[in-house]
Each structure stands twice: as structure tokens, then as C-alpha cells.
PDB file of N, CA and C in Angstrom:
ATOM      1  N   MET A   1     183.612-103.940   7.303  1.00  0.00           N
ATOM      2  CA  MET A   1     182.316-104.158   7.903  1.00  0.00           C
ATOM      3  C   MET A   1     181.203-103.994   6.864  1.00  0.00           C
ATOM      4  N   ALA A   2     181.292-102.944   6.050  1.00  0.00           N
ATOM      5  CA  ALA A   2     180.278-102.710   5.030  1.00  0.00           C
ATOM      6  C   ALA A   2     180.292-103.819   3.991  1.00  0.00           C
ATOM      7  N   LEU A   3     181.470-104.321   3.656  1.00  0.00           N
ATOM      8  CA  LEU A   3     181.576-105.416   2.683  1.00  0.00           C
ATOM      9  C   LEU A   3     180.931-106.676   3.237  1.00  0.00           C
ATOM     10  N   LYS A   4     181.141-106.933   4.523  1.00  0.00           N
ATOM     11  CA  LYS A   4     180.540-108.111   5.164  1.00  0.00           C
ATOM     12  C   LYS A   4     179.013-108.027   5.113  1.00  0.00           C
ATOM     13  N   ASN A   5     178.451-106.855   5.405  1.00  0.00           N
ATOM     14  CA  ASN A   5     176.996-106.676   5.345  1.00  0.00           C
ATOM     15  C   ASN A   5     176.476-106.851   3.933  1.00  0.00           C
ATOM     16  N   LEU A   6     177.193-106.355   2.955  1.00  0.00           N
ATOM     17  CA  LEU A   6     176.793-106.498   1.555  1.00  0.00           C
ATOM     18  C   LEU A   6     176.795-107.960   1.144  1.00  0.00           C
ATOM     19  N   VAL A   7     177.829-108.690   1.518  1.00  0.00           N
ATOM     20  CA  VAL A   7     177.917-110.118   1.180  1.00  0.00           C
ATOM     21  C   VAL A   7     176.769-110.879   1.826  1.00  0.00           C
ATOM     22  N   GLN A   8     176.460-110.580   3.098  1.00  0.00           N
ATOM     23  CA  GLN A   8     175.358-111.260   3.780  1.00  0.00           C
ATOM     24  C   GLN A   8     174.034-110.967   3.086  1.00  0.00           C
ATOM     25  N   LYS A   9     173.829-109.725   2.676  1.00  0.00           N
ATOM     26  CA  LYS A   9     172.579-109.354   2.014  1.00  0.00           C
ATOM     27  C   LYS A   9     172.435-110.042   0.666  1.00  0.00           C
ATOM     28  N   LEU A  10     173.523-110.161  -0.069  1.00  0.00           N
ATOM     29  CA  LEU A  10     173.479-110.764  -1.397  1.00  0.00           C
ATOM     30  C   LEU A  10     173.371-112.285  -1.362  1.00  0.00           C
ATOM     31  N   THR A  11     173.750-112.909  -0.253  1.00  0.00           N
ATOM     32  CA  THR A  11     173.727-114.365  -0.181  1.00  0.00           C
ATOM     33  C   THR A  11     172.511-114.918   0.558  1.00  0.00           C
ATOM     34  N   ARG A  12     171.640-114.056   1.089  1.00  0.00           N
ATOM     35  CA  ARG A  12     170.452-114.533   1.790  1.00  0.00           C
ATOM     36  C   ARG A  12     169.409-115.021   0.792  1.00  0.00           C
ATOM     37  N   SER A  13     168.593-115.968   1.219  1.00  0.00           N
ATOM     38  CA  SER A  13     167.577-116.536   0.330  1.00  0.00           C
ATOM     39  C   SER A  13     166.431-115.542   0.113  1.00  0.00           C
ATOM     40  N   VAL A  14     165.729-115.727  -0.974  1.00  0.00           N
ATOM     41  CA  VAL A  14     164.579-114.885  -1.302  1.00  0.00           C
ATOM     42  C   VAL A  14     163.508-115.021  -0.227  1.00  0.00           C
ATOM     43  N   GLU A  15     163.333-116.231   0.311  1.00  0.00           N
ATOM     44  CA  GLU A  15     162.335-116.456   1.356  1.00  0.00           C
ATOM     45  C   GLU A  15     162.650-115.627   2.603  1.00  0.00           C
ATOM     46  N   ASP A  16     163.934-115.586   2.981  1.00  0.00           N
ATOM     47  CA  ASP A  16     164.329-114.790   4.151  1.00  0.00           C
ATOM     48  C   ASP A  16     164.079-113.304   3.916  1.00  0.00           C
ATOM     49  N   LEU A  17     164.411-112.822   2.726  1.00  0.00           N
ATOM     50  CA  LEU A  17     164.185-111.418   2.403  1.00  0.00           C
ATOM     51  C   LEU A  17     162.702-111.078   2.394  1.00  0.00           C
ATOM     52  N   ASP A  18     161.868-111.970   1.824  1.00  0.00           N
ATOM     53  CA  ASP A  18     160.416-111.756   1.804  1.00  0.00           C
ATOM     54  C   ASP A  18     159.845-111.749   3.220  1.00  0.00           C
ATOM     55  N   ARG A  19     160.321-112.661   4.065  1.00  0.00           N
ATOM     56  CA  ARG A  19     159.843-112.738   5.444  1.00  0.00           C
ATOM     57  C   ARG A  19     160.188-111.451   6.203  1.00  0.00           C
ATOM     58  N   GLU A  20     161.411-110.952   6.032  1.00  0.00           N
ATOM     59  CA  GLU A  20     161.811-109.715   6.693  1.00  0.00           C
ATOM     60  C   GLU A  20     160.986-108.526   6.212  1.00  0.00           C
ATOM     61  N   ASP A  21     160.687-108.500   4.911  1.00  0.00           N
ATOM     62  CA  ASP A  21     159.847-107.434   4.356  1.00  0.00           C
ATOM     63  C   ASP A  21     158.445-107.490   4.956  1.00  0.00           C
ATOM     64  N   LEU A  22     157.896-108.700   5.092  1.00  0.00           N
ATOM     65  CA  LEU A  22     156.563-108.863   5.673  1.00  0.00           C
ATOM     66  C   LEU A  22     156.546-108.443   7.145  1.00  0.00           C
ATOM     67  N   VAL A  23     157.579-108.784   7.893  1.00  0.00           N
ATOM     68  CA  VAL A  23     157.670-108.377   9.307  1.00  0.00           C
ATOM     69  C   VAL A  23     157.705-106.858   9.414  1.00  0.00           C
ATOM     70  N   ARG A  24     158.497-106.202   8.562  1.00  0.00           N
ATOM     71  CA  ARG A  24     158.557-104.732   8.578  1.00  0.00           C
ATOM     72  C   ARG A  24     157.202-104.126   8.236  1.00  0.00           C
ATOM     73  N   PHE A  25     156.507-104.693   7.243  1.00  0.00           N
ATOM     74  CA  PHE A  25     155.190-104.210   6.848  1.00  0.00           C
ATOM     75  C   PHE A  25     154.203-104.332   8.009  1.00  0.00           C
ATOM     76  N   CYS A  26     154.163-105.491   8.654  1.00  0.00           N
ATOM     77  CA  CYS A  26     153.229-105.721   9.758  1.00  0.00           C
ATOM     78  C   CYS A  26     153.534-104.808  10.948  1.00  0.00           C
ATOM     79  N   ASP A  27     154.814-104.592  11.225  1.00  0.00           N
ATOM     80  CA  ASP A  27     155.187-103.670  12.301  1.00  0.00           C
ATOM     81  C   ASP A  27     154.741-102.247  11.968  1.00  0.00           C
ATOM     82  N   ALA A  28     154.904-101.837  10.711  1.00  0.00           N
ATOM     83  CA  ALA A  28     154.497-100.491  10.291  1.00  0.00           C
ATOM     84  C   ALA A  28     152.989-100.306  10.399  1.00  0.00           C
ATOM     85  N   GLN A  29     152.217-101.375  10.188  1.00  0.00           N
ATOM     86  CA  GLN A  29     150.764-101.317  10.298  1.00  0.00           C
ATOM     87  C   GLN A  29     150.291-101.348  11.751  1.00  0.00           C
ATOM     88  N   GLY A  30     151.179-101.707  12.665  1.00  0.00           N
ATOM     89  CA  GLY A  30     150.819-101.777  14.077  1.00  0.00           C
ATOM     90  C   GLY A  30     150.126-103.074  14.455  1.00  0.00           C
ATOM     91  N   PHE A  31     150.317-104.139  13.678  1.00  0.00           N
ATOM     92  CA  PHE A  31     149.702-105.431  13.972  1.00  0.00           C
ATOM     93  C   PHE A  31     150.381-106.097  15.163  1.00  0.00           C
ATOM     94  N   ALA A  32     149.584-106.787  15.980  1.00  0.00           N
ATOM     95  CA  ALA A  32     150.137-107.578  17.075  1.00  0.00           C
ATOM     96  C   ALA A  32     150.869-108.772  16.474  1.00  0.00           C
ATOM     97  N   PRO A  33     152.098-109.071  16.933  1.00  0.00           N
ATOM     98  CA  PRO A  33     152.843-110.219  16.401  1.00  0.00           C
ATOM     99  C   PRO A  33     152.109-111.531  16.680  1.00  0.00           C
ATOM    100  N   LEU A  34     151.978-112.376  15.671  1.00  0.00           N
ATOM    101  CA  LEU A  34     151.221-113.618  15.810  1.00  0.00           C
ATOM    102  C   LEU A  34     151.891-114.625  16.736  1.00  0.00           C
ATOM    103  N   ASP A  35     153.191-114.547  16.900  1.00  0.00           N
ATOM    104  CA  ASP A  35     153.860-115.495  17.791  1.00  0.00           C
ATOM    105  C   ASP A  35     153.710-115.128  19.260  1.00  0.00           C
ATOM    106  N   GLY A  36     153.072-113.981  19.550  1.00  0.00           N
ATOM    107  CA  GLY A  36     152.941-113.560  20.938  1.00  0.00           C
ATOM    108  C   GLY A  36     151.518-113.298  21.394  1.00  0.00           C
ATOM    109  N   ILE A  37     150.509-113.614  20.568  1.00  0.00           N
ATOM    110  CA  ILE A  37     149.134-113.337  20.981  1.00  0.00           C
ATOM    111  C   ILE A  37     148.630-114.431  21.918  1.00  0.00           C
ATOM    112  N   ALA A  38     147.868-114.008  22.904  1.00  0.00           N
ATOM    113  CA  ALA A  38     147.366-114.937  23.915  1.00  0.00           C
ATOM    114  C   ALA A  38     145.945-115.381  23.586  1.00  0.00           C
ATOM    115  N   GLU A  39     145.644-116.611  23.987  1.00  0.00           N
ATOM    116  CA  GLU A  39     144.306-117.159  23.799  1.00  0.00           C
ATOM    117  C   GLU A  39     143.291-116.340  24.604  1.00  0.00           C
ATOM    118  N   ARG A  40     142.097-116.214  24.058  1.00  0.00           N
ATOM    119  CA  ARG A  40     140.981-115.489  24.674  1.00  0.00           C
ATOM    120  C   ARG A  40     141.237-113.998  24.834  1.00  0.00           C
ATOM    121  N   SER A  41     142.091-113.464  23.997  1.00  0.00           N
ATOM    122  CA  SER A  41     142.339-112.025  24.035  1.00  0.00           C
ATOM    123  C   SER A  41     141.863-111.405  22.728  1.00  0.00           C
ATOM    124  N   ARG A  42     141.457-110.162  22.795  1.00  0.00           N
ATOM    125  CA  ARG A  42     141.027-109.434  21.601  1.00  0.00           C
ATOM    126  C   ARG A  42     142.269-108.824  20.978  1.00  0.00           C
ATOM    127  N   VAL A  43     142.476-109.079  19.685  1.00  0.00           N
ATOM    128  CA  VAL A  43     143.674-108.583  19.008  1.00  0.00           C
ATOM    129  C   VAL A  43     143.317-107.931  17.684  1.00  0.00           C
ATOM    130  N   ALA A  44     144.176-107.002  17.287  1.00  0.00           N
ATOM    131  CA  ALA A  44     144.146-106.420  15.948  1.00  0.00           C
ATOM    132  C   ALA A  44     145.472-106.811  15.325  1.00  0.00           C
ATOM    133  N   THR A  45     145.416-107.686  14.358  1.00  0.00           N
ATOM    134  CA  THR A  45     146.622-108.217  13.739  1.00  0.00           C
ATOM    135  C   THR A  45     146.391-108.383  12.253  1.00  0.00           C
ATOM    136  N   GLY A  46     147.290-109.014  11.589  1.00  0.00           N
ATOM    137  CA  GLY A  46     147.142-109.228  10.156  1.00  0.00           C
ATOM    138  C   GLY A  46     148.402-109.796   9.562  1.00  0.00           C
ATOM    139  N   GLY A  47     148.419-109.849   8.238  1.00  0.00           N
ATOM    140  CA  GLY A  47     149.564-110.388   7.535  1.00  0.00           C
ATOM    141  C   GLY A  47     149.194-110.750   6.120  1.00  0.00           C
ATOM    142  N   GLU A  48     149.939-111.694   5.569  1.00  0.00           N
ATOM    143  CA  GLU A  48     149.750-112.117   4.191  1.00  0.00           C
ATOM    144  C   GLU A  48     149.070-113.479   4.158  1.00  0.00           C
ATOM    145  N   VAL A  49     148.045-113.604   3.345  1.00  0.00           N
ATOM    146  CA  VAL A  49     147.302-114.862   3.235  1.00  0.00           C
ATOM    147  C   VAL A  49     148.205-115.914   2.606  1.00  0.00           C
ATOM    148  N   SER A  50     148.316-117.070   3.262  1.00  0.00           N
ATOM    149  CA  SER A  50     149.127-118.154   2.719  1.00  0.00           C
ATOM    150  C   SER A  50     148.270-119.270   2.136  1.00  0.00           C
ATOM    151  N   SER A  51     147.031-119.432   2.624  1.00  0.00           N
ATOM    152  CA  SER A  51     146.147-120.444   2.039  1.00  0.00           C
ATOM    153  C   SER A  51     144.690-120.150   2.370  1.00  0.00           C
ATOM    154  N   CYS A  52     143.814-120.623   1.498  1.00  0.00           N
ATOM    155  CA  CYS A  52     142.362-120.533   1.689  1.00  0.00           C
ATOM    156  C   CYS A  52     141.793-121.913   1.389  1.00  0.00           C
ATOM    157  N   ARG A  53     140.914-122.394   2.248  1.00  0.00           N
ATOM    158  CA  ARG A  53     140.281-123.685   1.986  1.00  0.00           C
ATOM    159  C   ARG A  53     138.892-123.718   2.596  1.00  0.00           C
ATOM    160  N   ILE A  54     138.050-124.540   2.018  1.00  0.00           N
ATOM    161  CA  ILE A  54     136.678-124.711   2.502  1.00  0.00           C
ATOM    162  C   ILE A  54     136.629-125.997   3.315  1.00  0.00           C
ATOM    163  N   VAL A  55     136.134-125.885   4.552  1.00  0.00           N
ATOM    164  CA  VAL A  55     136.083-127.016   5.460  1.00  0.00           C
ATOM    165  C   VAL A  55     134.679-127.118   6.035  1.00  0.00           C
ATOM    166  N   PRO A  56     134.077-128.323   6.003  1.00  0.00           N
ATOM    167  CA  PRO A  56     132.766-128.457   6.639  1.00  0.00           C
ATOM    168  C   PRO A  56     132.898-128.415   8.157  1.00  0.00           C
ATOM    169  N   ARG A  57     132.076-127.571   8.780  1.00  0.00           N
ATOM    170  CA  ARG A  57     132.054-127.462  10.247  1.00  0.00           C
ATOM    171  C   ARG A  57     130.603-127.511  10.700  1.00  0.00           C
ATOM    172  N   ALA A  58     130.276-128.486  11.500  1.00  0.00           N
ATOM    173  CA  ALA A  58     128.932-128.637  12.063  1.00  0.00           C
ATOM    174  C   ALA A  58     127.861-128.610  10.976  1.00  0.00           C
ATOM    175  N   GLY A  59     128.121-129.286   9.879  1.00  0.00           N
ATOM    176  CA  GLY A  59     127.126-129.412   8.818  1.00  0.00           C
ATOM    177  C   GLY A  59     127.070-128.259   7.844  1.00  0.00           C
ATOM    178  N   ALA A  60     127.863-127.240   8.030  1.00  0.00           N
ATOM    179  CA  ALA A  60     127.886-126.101   7.110  1.00  0.00           C
ATOM    180  C   ALA A  60     129.334-125.825   6.704  1.00  0.00           C
ATOM    181  N   ASP A  61     129.489-125.272   5.514  1.00  0.00           N
ATOM    182  CA  ASP A  61     130.837-124.951   5.055  1.00  0.00           C
ATOM    183  C   ASP A  61     131.399-123.746   5.800  1.00  0.00           C
ATOM    184  N   ALA A  62     132.705-123.729   5.929  1.00  0.00           N
ATOM    185  CA  ALA A  62     133.408-122.590   6.525  1.00  0.00           C
ATOM    186  C   ALA A  62     134.657-122.328   5.695  1.00  0.00           C
ATOM    187  N   LEU A  63     134.959-121.075   5.474  1.00  0.00           N
ATOM    188  CA  LEU A  63     136.166-120.684   4.756  1.00  0.00           C
ATOM    189  C   LEU A  63     137.268-120.463   5.781  1.00  0.00           C
ATOM    190  N   GLU A  64     138.363-121.212   5.655  1.00  0.00           N
ATOM    191  CA  GLU A  64     139.505-121.056   6.544  1.00  0.00           C
ATOM    192  C   GLU A  64     140.608-120.335   5.782  1.00  0.00           C
ATOM    193  N   VAL A  65     141.023-119.185   6.302  1.00  0.00           N
ATOM    194  CA  VAL A  65     142.057-118.375   5.676  1.00  0.00           C
ATOM    195  C   VAL A  65     143.250-118.332   6.629  1.00  0.00           C
ATOM    196  N   THR A  66     144.336-118.975   6.233  1.00  0.00           N
ATOM    197  CA  THR A  66     145.546-118.978   7.042  1.00  0.00           C
ATOM    198  C   THR A  66     146.435-117.836   6.573  1.00  0.00           C
ATOM    199  N   PHE A  67     146.944-117.063   7.533  1.00  0.00           N
ATOM    200  CA  PHE A  67     147.800-115.932   7.185  1.00  0.00           C
ATOM    201  C   PHE A  67     149.011-115.898   8.110  1.00  0.00           C
ATOM    202  N   THR A  68     150.057-115.220   7.663  1.00  0.00           N
ATOM    203  CA  THR A  68     151.297-115.116   8.415  1.00  0.00           C
ATOM    204  C   THR A  68     151.772-113.673   8.460  1.00  0.00           C
ATOM    205  N   ASP A  69     152.500-113.354   9.536  1.00  0.00           N
ATOM    206  CA  ASP A  69     153.120-112.032   9.639  1.00  0.00           C
ATOM    207  C   ASP A  69     154.640-112.143   9.553  1.00  0.00           C
ATOM    208  N   GLY A  70     155.140-113.319   9.175  1.00  0.00           N
ATOM    209  CA  GLY A  70     156.570-113.553   9.092  1.00  0.00           C
ATOM    210  C   GLY A  70     157.151-114.134  10.361  1.00  0.00           C
ATOM    211  N   ARG A  71     156.390-114.093  11.451  1.00  0.00           N
ATOM    212  CA  ARG A  71     156.846-114.629  12.734  1.00  0.00           C
ATOM    213  C   ARG A  71     156.006-115.817  13.179  1.00  0.00           C
ATOM    214  N   GLY A  72     154.760-115.865  12.761  1.00  0.00           N
ATOM    215  CA  GLY A  72     153.857-116.936  13.164  1.00  0.00           C
ATOM    216  C   GLY A  72     152.692-117.028  12.203  1.00  0.00           C
ATOM    217  N   PHE A  73     151.780-117.964  12.483  1.00  0.00           N
ATOM    218  CA  PHE A  73     150.609-118.178  11.644  1.00  0.00           C
ATOM    219  C   PHE A  73     149.349-118.100  12.485  1.00  0.00           C
ATOM    220  N   ALA A  74     148.234-117.749  11.855  1.00  0.00           N
ATOM    221  CA  ALA A  74     146.914-117.786  12.475  1.00  0.00           C
ATOM    222  C   ALA A  74     145.906-118.114  11.374  1.00  0.00           C
ATOM    223  N   THR A  75     144.738-118.555  11.783  1.00  0.00           N
ATOM    224  CA  THR A  75     143.685-118.905  10.841  1.00  0.00           C
ATOM    225  C   THR A  75     142.423-118.129  11.175  1.00  0.00           C
ATOM    226  N   ALA A  76     141.892-117.437  10.175  1.00  0.00           N
ATOM    227  CA  ALA A  76     140.602-116.762  10.312  1.00  0.00           C
ATOM    228  C   ALA A  76     139.553-117.706   9.733  1.00  0.00           C
ATOM    229  N   VAL A  77     138.535-118.024  10.515  1.00  0.00           N
ATOM    230  CA  VAL A  77     137.484-118.945  10.081  1.00  0.00           C
ATOM    231  C   VAL A  77     136.203-118.142   9.885  1.00  0.00           C
ATOM    232  N   PHE A  78     135.690-118.164   8.664  1.00  0.00           N
ATOM    233  CA  PHE A  78     134.450-117.466   8.325  1.00  0.00           C
ATOM    234  C   PHE A  78     133.358-118.520   8.173  1.00  0.00           C
ATOM    235  N   LEU A  79     132.544-118.661   9.211  1.00  0.00           N
ATOM    236  CA  LEU A  79     131.512-119.686   9.238  1.00  0.00           C
ATOM    237  C   LEU A  79     130.410-119.360   8.232  1.00  0.00           C
ATOM    238  N   GLY A  80     129.957-120.380   7.501  1.00  0.00           N
ATOM    239  CA  GLY A  80     128.874-120.215   6.542  1.00  0.00           C
ATOM    240  C   GLY A  80     129.285-119.568   5.229  1.00  0.00           C
ATOM    241  N   ARG A  81     130.572-119.414   4.977  1.00  0.00           N
ATOM    242  CA  ARG A  81     131.045-118.783   3.736  1.00  0.00           C
ATOM    243  C   ARG A  81     131.859-119.780   2.938  1.00  0.00           C
ATOM    244  N   ARG A  82     131.730-119.711   1.634  1.00  0.00           N
ATOM    245  CA  ARG A  82     132.532-120.545   0.748  1.00  0.00           C
ATOM    246  C   ARG A  82     133.644-119.756   0.079  1.00  0.00           C
ATOM    247  N   LYS A  83     133.454-118.447  -0.056  1.00  0.00           N
ATOM    248  CA  LYS A  83     134.518-117.613  -0.613  1.00  0.00           C
ATOM    249  C   LYS A  83     134.262-116.157  -0.273  1.00  0.00           C
ATOM    250  N   ILE A  84     135.311-115.366  -0.366  1.00  0.00           N
ATOM    251  CA  ILE A  84     135.236-113.920  -0.206  1.00  0.00           C
ATOM    252  C   ILE A  84     135.926-113.337  -1.427  1.00  0.00           C
ATOM    253  N   ALA A  85     135.222-112.510  -2.156  1.00  0.00           N
ATOM    254  CA  ALA A  85     135.750-111.952  -3.396  1.00  0.00           C
ATOM    255  C   ALA A  85     137.083-111.243  -3.165  1.00  0.00           C
ATOM    256  N   GLY A  86     138.076-111.600  -3.944  1.00  0.00           N
ATOM    257  CA  GLY A  86     139.379-110.959  -3.881  1.00  0.00           C
ATOM    258  C   GLY A  86     140.324-111.509  -2.837  1.00  0.00           C
ATOM    259  N   LEU A  87     139.850-112.396  -1.984  1.00  0.00           N
ATOM    260  CA  LEU A  87     140.691-112.948  -0.927  1.00  0.00           C
ATOM    261  C   LEU A  87     141.343-114.232  -1.423  1.00  0.00           C
ATOM    262  N   HIS A  88     142.648-114.184  -1.597  1.00  0.00           N
ATOM    263  CA  HIS A  88     143.397-115.338  -2.092  1.00  0.00           C
ATOM    264  C   HIS A  88     144.839-115.249  -1.594  1.00  0.00           C
ATOM    265  N   PRO A  89     145.600-116.337  -1.704  1.00  0.00           N
ATOM    266  CA  PRO A  89     146.988-116.309  -1.236  1.00  0.00           C
ATOM    267  C   PRO A  89     147.776-115.160  -1.863  1.00  0.00           C
ATOM    268  N   GLY A  90     148.557-114.499  -1.014  1.00  0.00           N
ATOM    269  CA  GLY A  90     149.359-113.369  -1.450  1.00  0.00           C
ATOM    270  C   GLY A  90     148.771-112.025  -1.066  1.00  0.00           C
ATOM    271  N   LYS A  91     147.475-111.966  -0.790  1.00  0.00           N
ATOM    272  CA  LYS A  91     146.837-110.713  -0.378  1.00  0.00           C
ATOM    273  C   LYS A  91     147.194-110.415   1.072  1.00  0.00           C
ATOM    274  N   ARG A  92     147.297-109.150   1.395  1.00  0.00           N
ATOM    275  CA  ARG A  92     147.573-108.741   2.770  1.00  0.00           C
ATOM    276  C   ARG A  92     146.276-108.258   3.408  1.00  0.00           C
ATOM    277  N   ILE A  93     146.014-108.753   4.621  1.00  0.00           N
ATOM    278  CA  ILE A  93     144.769-108.443   5.305  1.00  0.00           C
ATOM    279  C   ILE A  93     145.032-107.987   6.737  1.00  0.00           C
ATOM    280  N   ALA A  94     144.084-107.246   7.275  1.00  0.00           N
ATOM    281  CA  ALA A  94     144.047-106.886   8.692  1.00  0.00           C
ATOM    282  C   ALA A  94     142.834-107.575   9.284  1.00  0.00           C
ATOM    283  N   VAL A  95     142.987-108.192  10.432  1.00  0.00           N
ATOM    284  CA  VAL A  95     141.874-108.862  11.104  1.00  0.00           C
ATOM    285  C   VAL A  95     141.806-108.408  12.555  1.00  0.00           C
ATOM    286  N   GLU A  96     140.597-108.430  13.090  1.00  0.00           N
ATOM    287  CA  GLU A  96     140.394-108.078  14.492  1.00  0.00           C
ATOM    288  C   GLU A  96     139.346-109.014  15.064  1.00  0.00           C
ATOM    289  N   GLY A  97     139.682-109.626  16.187  1.00  0.00           N
ATOM    290  CA  GLY A  97     138.751-110.538  16.821  1.00  0.00           C
ATOM    291  C   GLY A  97     139.358-111.154  18.066  1.00  0.00           C
ATOM    292  N   VAL A  98     138.658-112.149  18.593  1.00  0.00           N
ATOM    293  CA  VAL A  98     139.096-112.850  19.796  1.00  0.00           C
ATOM    294  C   VAL A  98     139.794-114.139  19.374  1.00  0.00           C
ATOM    295  N   VAL A  99     140.930-114.395  19.981  1.00  0.00           N
ATOM    296  CA  VAL A  99     141.753-115.554  19.627  1.00  0.00           C
ATOM    297  C   VAL A  99     141.309-116.778  20.400  1.00  0.00           C
ATOM    298  N   ALA A 100     141.112-117.858  19.673  1.00  0.00           N
ATOM    299  CA  ALA A 100     140.876-119.173  20.269  1.00  0.00           C
ATOM    300  C   ALA A 100     142.064-120.035  19.845  1.00  0.00           C
ATOM    301  N   SER A 101     142.168-121.217  20.409  1.00  0.00           N
ATOM    302  CA  SER A 101     143.252-122.086  19.965  1.00  0.00           C
ATOM    303  C   SER A 101     142.760-123.512  19.878  1.00  0.00           C
ATOM    304  N   ASN A 102     143.400-124.224  18.979  1.00  0.00           N
ATOM    305  CA  ASN A 102     143.148-125.641  18.796  1.00  0.00           C
ATOM    306  C   ASN A 102     144.530-126.281  18.808  1.00  0.00           C
ATOM    307  N   GLY A 103     144.982-126.665  19.993  1.00  0.00           N
ATOM    308  CA  GLY A 103     146.366-127.117  20.126  1.00  0.00           C
ATOM    309  C   GLY A 103     147.279-125.905  20.028  1.00  0.00           C
ATOM    310  N   ARG A 104     148.194-125.932  19.070  1.00  0.00           N
ATOM    311  CA  ARG A 104     149.105-124.800  18.870  1.00  0.00           C
ATOM    312  C   ARG A 104     148.592-123.827  17.823  1.00  0.00           C
ATOM    313  N   GLN A 105     147.483-124.153  17.166  1.00  0.00           N
ATOM    314  CA  GLN A 105     146.937-123.302  16.111  1.00  0.00           C
ATOM    315  C   GLN A 105     146.101-122.171  16.706  1.00  0.00           C
ATOM    316  N   ARG A 106     146.372-120.935  16.265  1.00  0.00           N
ATOM    317  CA  ARG A 106     145.590-119.770  16.703  1.00  0.00           C
ATOM    318  C   ARG A 106     144.456-119.554  15.705  1.00  0.00           C
ATOM    319  N   ILE A 107     143.226-119.405  16.215  1.00  0.00           N
ATOM    320  CA  ILE A 107     142.054-119.281  15.356  1.00  0.00           C
ATOM    321  C   ILE A 107     141.260-118.051  15.756  1.00  0.00           C
ATOM    322  N   LEU A 108     140.781-117.306  14.756  1.00  0.00           N
ATOM    323  CA  LEU A 108     139.874-116.185  14.986  1.00  0.00           C
ATOM    324  C   LEU A 108     138.589-116.510  14.231  1.00  0.00           C
ATOM    325  N   TYR A 109     137.483-116.677  14.948  1.00  0.00           N
ATOM    326  CA  TYR A 109     136.202-117.003  14.321  1.00  0.00           C
ATOM    327  C   TYR A 109     135.475-115.727  13.920  1.00  0.00           C
ATOM    328  N   ASN A 110     135.051-115.672  12.675  1.00  0.00           N
ATOM    329  CA  ASN A 110     134.313-114.538  12.108  1.00  0.00           C
ATOM    330  C   ASN A 110     134.901-113.179  12.505  1.00  0.00           C
ATOM    331  N   PRO A 111     136.185-112.974  12.239  1.00  0.00           N
ATOM    332  CA  PRO A 111     136.786-111.682  12.624  1.00  0.00           C
ATOM    333  C   PRO A 111     136.362-110.565  11.674  1.00  0.00           C
ATOM    334  N   ALA A 112     136.458-109.341  12.169  1.00  0.00           N
ATOM    335  CA  ALA A 112     136.324-108.177  11.291  1.00  0.00           C
ATOM    336  C   ALA A 112     137.624-108.148  10.478  1.00  0.00           C
ATOM    337  N   TRP A 113     137.548-107.836   9.214  1.00  0.00           N
ATOM    338  CA  TRP A 113     138.750-107.872   8.390  1.00  0.00           C
ATOM    339  C   TRP A 113     138.691-106.825   7.306  1.00  0.00           C
ATOM    340  N   SER A 114     139.844-106.532   6.723  1.00  0.00           N
ATOM    341  CA  SER A 114     139.937-105.628   5.569  1.00  0.00           C
ATOM    342  C   SER A 114     141.244-105.885   4.829  1.00  0.00           C
ATOM    343  N   PHE A 115     141.268-105.493   3.572  1.00  0.00           N
ATOM    344  CA  PHE A 115     142.504-105.569   2.803  1.00  0.00           C
ATOM    345  C   PHE A 115     143.409-104.410   3.201  1.00  0.00           C
ATOM    346  N   VAL A 116     144.722-104.618   3.193  1.00  0.00           N
ATOM    347  CA  VAL A 116     145.670-103.546   3.480  1.00  0.00           C
ATOM    348  C   VAL A 116     146.774-103.567   2.434  1.00  0.00           C
ATOM    349  N   GLY A 117     147.424-102.420   2.297  1.00  0.00           N
ATOM    350  CA  GLY A 117     148.588-102.196   1.474  1.00  0.00           C
ATOM    351  C   GLY A 117     148.729-102.974   0.276  1.00  0.00           C
TER     352      GLY A 117
END
């Protein structure tokens, strides 16, 4: 049995191992899982930033930060911002706000946020 577990651990992809590590980290922080958050609810969640992009919204720029907790994705939209110092892919963040949705995409507009771990 122990040999079987060792073989499984050694043959898993790096992406799977990274995802499991991120899930454990988010659970330890007490973040709400992104695959289970409901629209129009206030949540405290977070994860690892996967992308940052500037998108024009209603005539003004907005910074869209997509992050994952290993189970799902969400996008934090910072209206009127072009960048946030130190915020880039790979950083881990905590966000708190009200969830909106655009189809299947979960969006938090101008959430409170901070860097974690």
C-alpha cells in the first residue's frame, strides 16, 4: 500500500501537485472555495493571481485580476486603476466583496484586498 502511494506521488504532474498545494493553502487561510460561491453574496476568499489585464469599461480603464484557489476562478475588477504595485501573476491575495456574475464568470468589483503568505 505504501509503495502504491509513493508511485502515485512520484508520477503525478507538477501542475497537479501545485494545484493541491494551493488548495491546502487556501483552506488553511479560511477562504471560501471559488467553485461554491453564490452570486450576490458577500465572501472572503482568495488565491493565486493567474493574470492581470487592463480593460476599458464605460470609458475608463479597469484592472482585471483573475485568481484561482485550485478549484475555480474569479476576477477582481478595480475600476479606474491601471496597475497596483506588486500585484502580478503568482502573487497570493485575499479579497473580500460581493460576487457578481457574467455568465459563468465570478466577478468582484472593487473588493477589499491584501497580499497573503
